[in-house]
Structure formats: structure tokens, C-alpha cells
Amino acid sequence: MASRPLIELSGITKVFGTGDAAFQALKGIDLTVEKGDFVAVMGPSGSGKSTMMNILGCLDVPTAGEFRFHGIAVQKLDRDQRSLLRRKYLGFVFQGFNLLARTTALENVELPLLYRGIPRKERCDAAMAALDTVGLVQWATHTPAELSGGQQQRVAIARAIVSDPEVLLADEPTGNLDTQRSLEIMELLDKLNRDKGITILLVTHEEEMAEFAHTRVHFRDGLIERIERGQLRTQGNGGNAEAHA
């Protein structure tokens, strides 16, 4: 029997406010994401894509509908249970890097493990391994001010993967970078997807960045306008199109 998808969304709606001030950001979203997929979520501002990502990241809950993660009904979990799911399975990368200015790259990457109470030697070793994955071991003792924008985003990615998440949610991770640095970050995400099997959920406005994804989900006015599957880059991507078609 075929295994069920990693993520299943059925009839997801989200309403902000009440009465005359109510705004329906999502109007009934149905979507499945398979384990190991690389999904680009696209659409104009106000289309609902960021609201959707907040729900997928267990940072918000839908007004109605069903959200299942590994078959678990996430909308039925309480705040602490959602927080536990988030810590155990999810990693986050943001447009603004969100690094602590006065701490080193190594200390920034260690933070998720520090919050978990992981012993110092263990979390240092894990953080160095994550920095090695993103090619920044030699910059471990440098603060964000001593790093370029691309390097800061690599540190942020190392921090996101240090706890071995199953899903990485990246919200406009190239929005503050030039084209060359953007492509380098996308190639790194592509490598994490291919080599480590991390499922990637990417919000982007940029077609060139979305080309790295196996699946592209286009939002408009709170609805999914269309889904494109199995369209991989013709260069620099060693994925298997059939596996995602």
C-alpha cells in the first residue's frame, strides 16, 4: 500500500478579523506535499502564500479545514504540541537572516540546540558540522557584521538544519541578495534537498529561483491558481523529474 503524503491540506481556510472587518486570506486550499519534494510557493502580495506558510510552519492555525503532517491532525494539537512538532521536524530560513548581531556564526547556529538543553560539546560539534555543510567552517568565529549577505544567509541555513529537520521552510531567502549570491543559496538548498532528503517549502517572487523546485504552487486571491509538477532546471540540477511528476 502506498504511503500517505508528508503534508496533506484539505479545505484550508483562514479568516482574520470579525464582522465587517473580516478578511478571508485563504478560501479553501487543497494540497499534498510528498516527502523529499522541493516546492516553490508563488503569487503576488496578498495572494495568501505567506499565510499558508505560517500554517505549514505551525506558527498559525487555520480557521477551518484539515492539516495533516505525517497523518497527524495538526489543527487539533494544542500550542505546546505544535511547538514540539515545530522544534522536532521543521527548520526556518527568512529573508532577513535573523542572526544575533553580537554572537559568532558558531553561536548563532548552536542556538536551537541550546534551547533544547543539548550539552555544550555536543551542540558545538553539531553546529560545526552544519557550518561545514554550508561551506563556512573557516568563518565560525566571525560575527554577522564580518560576513557578507550571502554568508549570513548560509549561517541562517546552517542554524535551520543543525537539528536535522525533515522540512525546511524558506520565506524569500534570496530577497536581500544579488543574483549571484541568490543562485548560490538556491544551489545550496537544492543540494540539501538532493543529498539529505530534506523537504523544501520555498516562498519566492522570482521565477529564476522557483526553477530549482520540483513543484510550483501558484496562489492568487486566497486560492491555488495552478500547480506545476516535475519541472526541473535544465542545468545544475541532478534531480529525477519522473520521481516528482
C-alpha atoms as a PDB file:
ATOM      1  CA  MET A   1       0.000   0.000   0.000  1.00  0.00           C
ATOM      2  CA  ALA A   2       1.333   3.428  -0.934  1.00  0.00           C
ATOM      3  CA  SER A   3       2.430   5.615   1.961  1.00  0.00           C
ATOM      4  CA  ARG A   4       0.451   8.773   2.577  1.00  0.00           C
ATOM      5  CA  PRO A   5       1.919  12.207   1.730  1.00  0.00           C
ATOM      6  CA  LEU A   6       4.098  14.001   4.267  1.00  0.00           C
ATOM      7  CA  ILE A   7       1.738  17.018   4.246  1.00  0.00           C
ATOM      8  CA  GLU A   8      -1.974  16.981   3.430  1.00  0.00           C
ATOM      9  CA  LEU A   9      -4.164  20.073   3.296  1.00  0.00           C
ATOM     10  CA  SER A  10      -7.898  19.796   2.738  1.00  0.00           C
ATOM     11  CA  GLY A  11     -10.325  22.713   2.588  1.00  0.00           C
ATOM     12  CA  ILE A  12      -7.986  25.049   4.492  1.00  0.00           C
ATOM     13  CA  THR A  13      -9.435  28.500   5.136  1.00  0.00           C
ATOM     14  CA  LYS A  14      -8.105  31.397   7.175  1.00  0.00           C
ATOM     15  CA  VAL A  15     -10.108  34.433   8.232  1.00  0.00           C
ATOM     16  CA  PHE A  16      -8.603  37.430  10.006  1.00  0.00           C
ATOM     17  CA  GLY A  17     -10.854  39.771  11.971  1.00  0.00           C
ATOM     18  CA  THR A  18     -14.601  39.552  12.504  1.00  0.00           C
ATOM     19  CA  GLY A  19     -17.789  41.094  11.183  1.00  0.00           C
ATOM     20  CA  ASP A  20     -17.412  43.816   8.591  1.00  0.00           C
ATOM     21  CA  ALA A  21     -13.634  43.839   9.170  1.00  0.00           C
ATOM     22  CA  ALA A  22     -13.236  40.121   8.391  1.00  0.00           C
ATOM     23  CA  PHE A  23     -10.754  39.248   5.666  1.00  0.00           C
ATOM     24  CA  GLN A  24     -10.535  35.764   4.197  1.00  0.00           C
ATOM     25  CA  ALA A  25      -6.868  35.185   3.382  1.00  0.00           C
ATOM     26  CA  LEU A  26      -7.334  31.543   2.348  1.00  0.00           C
ATOM     27  CA  LYS A  27     -10.521  30.339   0.696  1.00  0.00           C
ATOM     28  CA  GLY A  28     -10.253  26.547   0.646  1.00  0.00           C
ATOM     29  CA  ILE A  29      -6.805  25.135  -0.065  1.00  0.00           C
ATOM     30  CA  ASP A  30      -6.246  21.512  -1.079  1.00  0.00           C
ATOM     31  CA  LEU A  31      -2.604  20.468  -1.408  1.00  0.00           C
ATOM     32  CA  THR A  32      -0.365  17.461  -0.807  1.00  0.00           C
ATOM     33  CA  VAL A  33       3.408  17.515  -0.411  1.00  0.00           C
ATOM     34  CA  GLU A  34       5.399  14.311  -0.726  1.00  0.00           C
ATOM     35  CA  LYS A  35       8.427  13.595   1.436  1.00  0.00           C
ATOM     36  CA  GLY A  36      11.588  14.816  -0.323  1.00  0.00           C
ATOM     37  CA  ASP A  37       9.827  17.260  -2.638  1.00  0.00           C
ATOM     38  CA  PHE A  38      11.097  20.790  -3.340  1.00  0.00           C
ATOM     39  CA  VAL A  39       8.069  23.092  -3.543  1.00  0.00           C
ATOM     40  CA  ALA A  40       8.069  26.740  -4.603  1.00  0.00           C
ATOM     41  CA  VAL A  41       5.048  28.716  -3.373  1.00  0.00           C
ATOM     42  CA  MET A  42       4.469  31.719  -5.638  1.00  0.00           C
ATOM     43  CA  GLY A  43       1.996  34.540  -6.101  1.00  0.00           C
ATOM     44  CA  PRO A  44       1.560  38.314  -5.816  1.00  0.00           C
ATOM     45  CA  SER A  45       1.464  40.128  -2.486  1.00  0.00           C
ATOM     46  CA  GLY A  46      -1.790  39.411  -0.673  1.00  0.00           C
ATOM     47  CA  SER A  47      -2.375  36.145  -2.523  1.00  0.00           C
ATOM     48  CA  GLY A  48      -2.280  34.050   0.660  1.00  0.00           C
ATOM     49  CA  LYS A  49       1.085  32.351   0.228  1.00  0.00           C
ATOM     50  CA  SER A  50       2.634  33.725   3.439  1.00  0.00           C
ATOM     51  CA  THR A  51      -0.492  32.835   5.438  1.00  0.00           C
ATOM     52  CA  MET A  52      -0.246  29.328   4.022  1.00  0.00           C
ATOM     53  CA  MET A  53       3.408  29.058   5.006  1.00  0.00           C
ATOM     54  CA  ASN A  54       2.629  30.196   8.553  1.00  0.00           C
ATOM     55  CA  ILE A  55       0.095  27.374   8.822  1.00  0.00           C
ATOM     56  CA  LEU A  56       2.525  24.838   7.354  1.00  0.00           C
ATOM     57  CA  GLY A  57       5.156  26.035   9.831  1.00  0.00           C
ATOM     58  CA  CYS A  58       2.764  25.552  12.771  1.00  0.00           C
ATOM     59  CA  LEU A  59       3.065  29.280  13.501  1.00  0.00           C
ATOM     60  CA  ASP A  60      -0.681  29.759  12.943  1.00  0.00           C
ATOM     61  CA  VAL A  61      -3.774  27.574  12.728  1.00  0.00           C
ATOM     62  CA  PRO A  62      -6.442  27.501  10.010  1.00  0.00           C
ATOM     63  CA  THR A  63      -9.954  28.785  10.639  1.00  0.00           C
ATOM     64  CA  ALA A  64     -11.367  25.626   9.058  1.00  0.00           C
ATOM     65  CA  GLY A  65     -10.186  22.594   7.134  1.00  0.00           C
ATOM     66  CA  GLU A  66      -7.728  19.808   7.863  1.00  0.00           C
ATOM     67  CA  PHE A  67      -3.925  19.943   8.007  1.00  0.00           C
ATOM     68  CA  ARG A  68      -2.176  16.594   8.440  1.00  0.00           C
ATOM     69  CA  PHE A  69       1.553  16.125   8.974  1.00  0.00           C
ATOM     70  CA  HIS A  70       2.665  12.501   8.890  1.00  0.00           C
ATOM     71  CA  GLY A  71      -1.022  11.700   9.247  1.00  0.00           C
ATOM     72  CA  ILE A  72      -1.369  13.744  12.456  1.00  0.00           C
ATOM     73  CA  ALA A  73      -4.220  16.293  12.510  1.00  0.00           C
ATOM     74  CA  VAL A  74      -2.160  19.395  13.310  1.00  0.00           C
ATOM     75  CA  GLN A  75      -5.184  21.672  13.755  1.00  0.00           C
ATOM     76  CA  LYS A  76      -6.240  19.527  16.736  1.00  0.00           C
ATOM     77  CA  LEU A  77      -2.916  19.966  18.566  1.00  0.00           C
ATOM     78  CA  ASP A  78      -2.602  22.496  21.375  1.00  0.00           C
ATOM     79  CA  ARG A  79       0.025  25.260  21.367  1.00  0.00           C
ATOM     80  CA  ASP A  80       2.655  23.189  23.214  1.00  0.00           C
ATOM     81  CA  GLN A  81       2.166  20.195  20.921  1.00  0.00           C
ATOM     82  CA  ARG A  82       2.525  22.380  17.832  1.00  0.00           C
ATOM     83  CA  SER A  83       5.668  23.902  19.316  1.00  0.00           C
ATOM     84  CA  LEU A  84       7.103  20.420  19.855  1.00  0.00           C
ATOM     85  CA  LEU A  85       6.281  19.415  16.279  1.00  0.00           C
ATOM     86  CA  ARG A  86       7.916  22.601  15.032  1.00  0.00           C
ATOM     87  CA  ARG A  87      11.114  22.008  17.039  1.00  0.00           C
ATOM     88  CA  LYS A  88      11.418  18.350  16.061  1.00  0.00           C
ATOM     89  CA  TYR A  89      10.528  18.400  12.368  1.00  0.00           C
ATOM     90  CA  LEU A  90      10.828  21.939  10.969  1.00  0.00           C
ATOM     91  CA  GLY A  91      13.608  24.386  10.157  1.00  0.00           C
ATOM     92  CA  PHE A  92      13.098  28.023   9.124  1.00  0.00           C
ATOM     93  CA  VAL A  93      15.043  30.418   6.887  1.00  0.00           C
ATOM     94  CA  PHE A  94      13.923  34.037   6.487  1.00  0.00           C
ATOM     95  CA  GLN A  95      14.663  36.900   4.112  1.00  0.00           C
ATOM     96  CA  GLY A  96      16.221  38.997   6.881  1.00  0.00           C
ATOM     97  CA  PHE A  97      18.628  36.285   8.160  1.00  0.00           C
ATOM     98  CA  ASN A  98      17.548  36.945  11.804  1.00  0.00           C
ATOM     99  CA  LEU A  99      21.028  36.371  13.241  1.00  0.00           C
ATOM    100  CA  LEU A 100      22.081  37.693  16.647  1.00  0.00           C
ATOM    101  CA  ALA A 101      24.445  40.563  15.910  1.00  0.00           C
ATOM    102  CA  ARG A 102      26.837  40.203  18.848  1.00  0.00           C
ATOM    103  CA  THR A 103      27.368  36.436  18.599  1.00  0.00           C
ATOM    104  CA  THR A 104      29.586  34.404  16.298  1.00  0.00           C
ATOM    105  CA  ALA A 105      28.383  32.288  13.407  1.00  0.00           C
ATOM    106  CA  LEU A 106      29.002  29.179  15.506  1.00  0.00           C
ATOM    107  CA  GLU A 107      26.991  30.537  18.437  1.00  0.00           C
ATOM    108  CA  ASN A 108      24.125  31.531  16.130  1.00  0.00           C
ATOM    109  CA  VAL A 109      23.985  28.024  14.699  1.00  0.00           C
ATOM    110  CA  GLU A 110      24.097  26.495  18.190  1.00  0.00           C
ATOM    111  CA  LEU A 111      21.017  28.399  19.385  1.00  0.00           C
ATOM    112  CA  PRO A 112      18.317  25.806  18.565  1.00  0.00           C
ATOM    113  CA  LEU A 113      20.337  23.160  20.402  1.00  0.00           C
ATOM    114  CA  LEU A 114      20.950  25.483  23.348  1.00  0.00           C
ATOM    115  CA  TYR A 115      17.189  25.920  23.743  1.00  0.00           C
ATOM    116  CA  ARG A 116      16.849  22.139  23.787  1.00  0.00           C
ATOM    117  CA  GLY A 117      19.366  21.806  26.598  1.00  0.00           C
ATOM    118  CA  ILE A 118      21.913  19.903  24.487  1.00  0.00           C
ATOM    119  CA  PRO A 119      25.341  19.697  26.240  1.00  0.00           C
ATOM    120  CA  ARG A 120      27.915  22.237  25.093  1.00  0.00           C
ATOM    121  CA  LYS A 121      30.361  19.829  23.389  1.00  0.00           C
ATOM    122  CA  GLU A 122      27.562  18.048  21.521  1.00  0.00           C
ATOM    123  CA  ARG A 123      25.950  21.232  20.261  1.00  0.00           C
ATOM    124  CA  CYS A 124      29.318  22.712  19.250  1.00  0.00           C
ATOM    125  CA  ASP A 125      30.148  19.600  17.221  1.00  0.00           C
ATOM    126  CA  ALA A 126      26.712  19.654  15.571  1.00  0.00           C
ATOM    127  CA  ALA A 127      26.987  23.379  14.790  1.00  0.00           C
ATOM    128  CA  MET A 128      30.430  22.930  13.233  1.00  0.00           C
ATOM    129  CA  ALA A 129      29.077  20.073  11.106  1.00  0.00           C
ATOM    130  CA  ALA A 130      26.214  22.308   9.935  1.00  0.00           C
ATOM    131  CA  LEU A 131      28.643  25.124   9.109  1.00  0.00           C
ATOM    132  CA  ASP A 132      30.736  22.608   7.174  1.00  0.00           C
ATOM    133  CA  THR A 133      27.636  21.639   5.179  1.00  0.00           C
ATOM    134  CA  VAL A 134      27.173  25.258   4.078  1.00  0.00           C
ATOM    135  CA  GLY A 135      30.897  25.823   3.499  1.00  0.00           C
ATOM    136  CA  LEU A 136      31.572  28.238   6.361  1.00  0.00           C
ATOM    137  CA  VAL A 137      33.719  26.378   8.915  1.00  0.00           C
ATOM    138  CA  GLN A 138      36.506  28.929   8.473  1.00  0.00           C
ATOM    139  CA  TRP A 139      34.066  31.722   9.380  1.00  0.00           C
ATOM    140  CA  ALA A 140      32.791  30.102  12.580  1.00  0.00           C
ATOM    141  CA  THR A 141      34.242  32.758  14.905  1.00  0.00           C
ATOM    142  CA  HIS A 142      33.060  35.752  12.858  1.00  0.00           C
ATOM    143  CA  THR A 143      30.047  37.865  13.785  1.00  0.00           C
ATOM    144  CA  PRO A 144      27.334  38.737  11.233  1.00  0.00           C
ATOM    145  CA  ALA A 145      28.857  42.203  10.702  1.00  0.00           C
ATOM    146  CA  GLU A 146      32.012  40.486   9.432  1.00  0.00           C
ATOM    147  CA  LEU A 147      30.092  38.367   6.905  1.00  0.00           C
ATOM    148  CA  SER A 148      28.604  39.166   3.513  1.00  0.00           C
ATOM    149  CA  GLY A 149      24.853  38.878   2.947  1.00  0.00           C
ATOM    150  CA  GLY A 150      25.277  35.526   1.233  1.00  0.00           C
ATOM    151  CA  GLN A 151      27.431  34.239   4.094  1.00  0.00           C
ATOM    152  CA  GLN A 152      24.880  35.429   6.659  1.00  0.00           C
ATOM    153  CA  GLN A 153      22.145  33.520   4.845  1.00  0.00           C
ATOM    154  CA  ARG A 154      24.360  30.414   4.822  1.00  0.00           C
ATOM    155  CA  VAL A 155      24.740  30.754   8.592  1.00  0.00           C
ATOM    156  CA  ALA A 156      20.951  31.053   8.851  1.00  0.00           C
ATOM    157  CA  ILE A 157      20.566  27.871   6.793  1.00  0.00           C
ATOM    158  CA  ALA A 158      23.123  26.086   8.989  1.00  0.00           C
ATOM    159  CA  ARG A 159      21.086  27.141  12.034  1.00  0.00           C
ATOM    160  CA  ALA A 160      17.929  25.812  10.378  1.00  0.00           C
ATOM    161  CA  ILE A 161      19.437  22.381   9.637  1.00  0.00           C
ATOM    162  CA  VAL A 162      21.517  21.862  12.797  1.00  0.00           C
ATOM    163  CA  SER A 163      18.678  19.939  14.444  1.00  0.00           C
ATOM    164  CA  ASP A 164      18.164  17.682  11.376  1.00  0.00           C
ATOM    165  CA  PRO A 165      14.686  18.897  10.394  1.00  0.00           C
ATOM    166  CA  GLU A 166      12.560  16.907   7.998  1.00  0.00           C
ATOM    167  CA  VAL A 167      11.137  20.056   6.389  1.00  0.00           C
ATOM    168  CA  LEU A 168      12.842  23.368   5.670  1.00  0.00           C
ATOM    169  CA  LEU A 169      10.562  26.385   5.214  1.00  0.00           C
ATOM    170  CA  ALA A 170      12.329  29.227   3.403  1.00  0.00           C
ATOM    171  CA  ASP A 171      10.477  32.550   3.161  1.00  0.00           C
ATOM    172  CA  GLU A 172      12.032  34.696   0.397  1.00  0.00           C
ATOM    173  CA  PRO A 173      15.556  33.521   1.391  1.00  0.00           C
ATOM    174  CA  THR A 174      17.150  35.371  -1.555  1.00  0.00           C
ATOM    175  CA  GLY A 175      15.154  38.589  -1.213  1.00  0.00           C
ATOM    176  CA  ASN A 176      18.076  40.591   0.228  1.00  0.00           C
ATOM    177  CA  LEU A 177      20.776  39.162  -2.055  1.00  0.00           C
ATOM    178  CA  ASP A 178      22.140  39.950  -5.502  1.00  0.00           C
ATOM    179  CA  THR A 179      21.620  37.496  -8.344  1.00  0.00           C
ATOM    180  CA  GLN A 180      24.906  35.600  -7.936  1.00  0.00           C
ATOM    181  CA  ARG A 181      24.518  35.170  -4.173  1.00  0.00           C
ATOM    182  CA  SER A 182      20.859  34.212  -4.710  1.00  0.00           C
ATOM    183  CA  LEU A 183      21.819  31.429  -7.097  1.00  0.00           C
ATOM    184  CA  GLU A 184      24.443  30.178  -4.645  1.00  0.00           C
ATOM    185  CA  ILE A 185      21.821  29.979  -1.876  1.00  0.00           C
ATOM    186  CA  MET A 186      19.395  28.171  -4.165  1.00  0.00           C
ATOM    187  CA  GLU A 187      22.085  25.698  -5.208  1.00  0.00           C
ATOM    188  CA  LEU A 188      22.733  25.026  -1.520  1.00  0.00           C
ATOM    189  CA  LEU A 189      19.025  24.402  -0.865  1.00  0.00           C
ATOM    190  CA  ASP A 190      18.931  22.142  -3.912  1.00  0.00           C
ATOM    191  CA  LYS A 191      21.902  20.174  -2.546  1.00  0.00           C
ATOM    192  CA  LEU A 192      20.243  19.797   0.871  1.00  0.00           C
ATOM    193  CA  ASN A 193      17.137  18.508  -0.864  1.00  0.00           C
ATOM    194  CA  ARG A 194      19.023  16.017  -3.049  1.00  0.00           C
ATOM    195  CA  ASP A 195      21.757  14.844  -0.668  1.00  0.00           C
ATOM    196  CA  LYS A 196      19.972  14.942   2.696  1.00  0.00           C
ATOM    197  CA  GLY A 197      16.410  14.352   1.518  1.00  0.00           C
ATOM    198  CA  ILE A 198      15.118  17.475   3.285  1.00  0.00           C
ATOM    199  CA  THR A 199      11.705  18.532   2.012  1.00  0.00           C
ATOM    200  CA  ILE A 200      11.923  22.197   0.952  1.00  0.00           C
ATOM    201  CA  LEU A 201       8.997  24.644   1.015  1.00  0.00           C
ATOM    202  CA  LEU A 202      10.101  27.916  -0.577  1.00  0.00           C
ATOM    203  CA  VAL A 203       8.205  31.191  -0.867  1.00  0.00           C
ATOM    204  CA  THR A 204       9.569  33.299  -3.707  1.00  0.00           C
ATOM    205  CA  HIS A 205       8.504  36.008  -6.170  1.00  0.00           C
ATOM    206  CA  GLU A 206      11.376  35.169  -8.509  1.00  0.00           C
ATOM    207  CA  GLU A 207      10.865  32.781 -11.426  1.00  0.00           C
ATOM    208  CA  GLU A 208      14.593  32.112 -11.681  1.00  0.00           C
ATOM    209  CA  MET A 209      14.690  30.870  -8.079  1.00  0.00           C
ATOM    210  CA  ALA A 210      11.476  28.876  -8.462  1.00  0.00           C
ATOM    211  CA  GLU A 211      13.088  26.945 -11.311  1.00  0.00           C
ATOM    212  CA  PHE A 212      15.061  24.981  -8.720  1.00  0.00           C
ATOM    213  CA  ALA A 213      11.827  23.475  -7.383  1.00  0.00           C
ATOM    214  CA  HIS A 214      10.246  20.210  -8.477  1.00  0.00           C
ATOM    215  CA  THR A 215       6.736  21.531  -7.762  1.00  0.00           C
ATOM    216  CA  ARG A 216       5.467  25.081  -8.163  1.00  0.00           C
ATOM    217  CA  VAL A 217       2.250  26.154  -6.460  1.00  0.00           C
ATOM    218  CA  HIS A 218       0.772  29.438  -7.701  1.00  0.00           C
ATOM    219  CA  PHE A 219      -1.513  31.380  -5.342  1.00  0.00           C
ATOM    220  CA  ARG A 220      -3.943  34.144  -6.288  1.00  0.00           C
ATOM    221  CA  ASP A 221      -6.655  35.776  -4.171  1.00  0.00           C
ATOM    222  CA  GLY A 222      -6.527  33.141  -1.427  1.00  0.00           C
ATOM    223  CA  LEU A 223      -6.783  30.187  -3.801  1.00  0.00           C
ATOM    224  CA  ILE A 224      -4.369  27.886  -5.604  1.00  0.00           C
ATOM    225  CA  GLU A 225      -4.471  29.032  -9.213  1.00  0.00           C
ATOM    226  CA  ARG A 226      -2.432  26.128 -10.575  1.00  0.00           C
ATOM    227  CA  ILE A 227       0.179  23.533  -9.650  1.00  0.00           C
ATOM    228  CA  GLU A 228       3.103  22.599 -11.890  1.00  0.00           C
ATOM    229  CA  ARG A 229       4.919  19.351 -11.109  1.00  0.00           C
ATOM    230  CA  GLY A 230       8.065  17.702 -12.381  1.00  0.00           C
ATOM    231  CA  GLN A 231       9.600  20.809 -13.955  1.00  0.00           C
ATOM    232  CA  LEU A 232      13.266  20.832 -13.032  1.00  0.00           C
ATOM    233  CA  ARG A 233      16.062  23.141 -14.122  1.00  0.00           C
ATOM    234  CA  THR A 234      17.818  22.046 -17.285  1.00  0.00           C
ATOM    235  CA  GLN A 235      21.217  22.947 -15.827  1.00  0.00           C
ATOM    236  CA  GLY A 236      22.778  22.433 -12.410  1.00  0.00           C
ATOM    237  CA  ASN A 237      20.067  20.157 -11.062  1.00  0.00           C
ATOM    238  CA  GLY A 238      20.579  16.429 -10.880  1.00  0.00           C
ATOM    239  CA  GLY A 239      17.068  15.567  -9.712  1.00  0.00           C
ATOM    240  CA  ASN A 240      14.794  12.947 -11.200  1.00  0.00           C
ATOM    241  CA  ALA A 241      11.817  14.526 -12.935  1.00  0.00           C
ATOM    242  CA  GLU A 242       9.867  11.272 -13.044  1.00  0.00           C
ATOM    243  CA  ALA A 243      10.024  10.946  -9.286  1.00  0.00           C
ATOM    244  CA  HIS A 244       8.062  14.174  -8.874  1.00  0.00           C
ATOM    245  CA  ALA A 245       5.765  14.094 -11.888  1.00  0.00           C
END
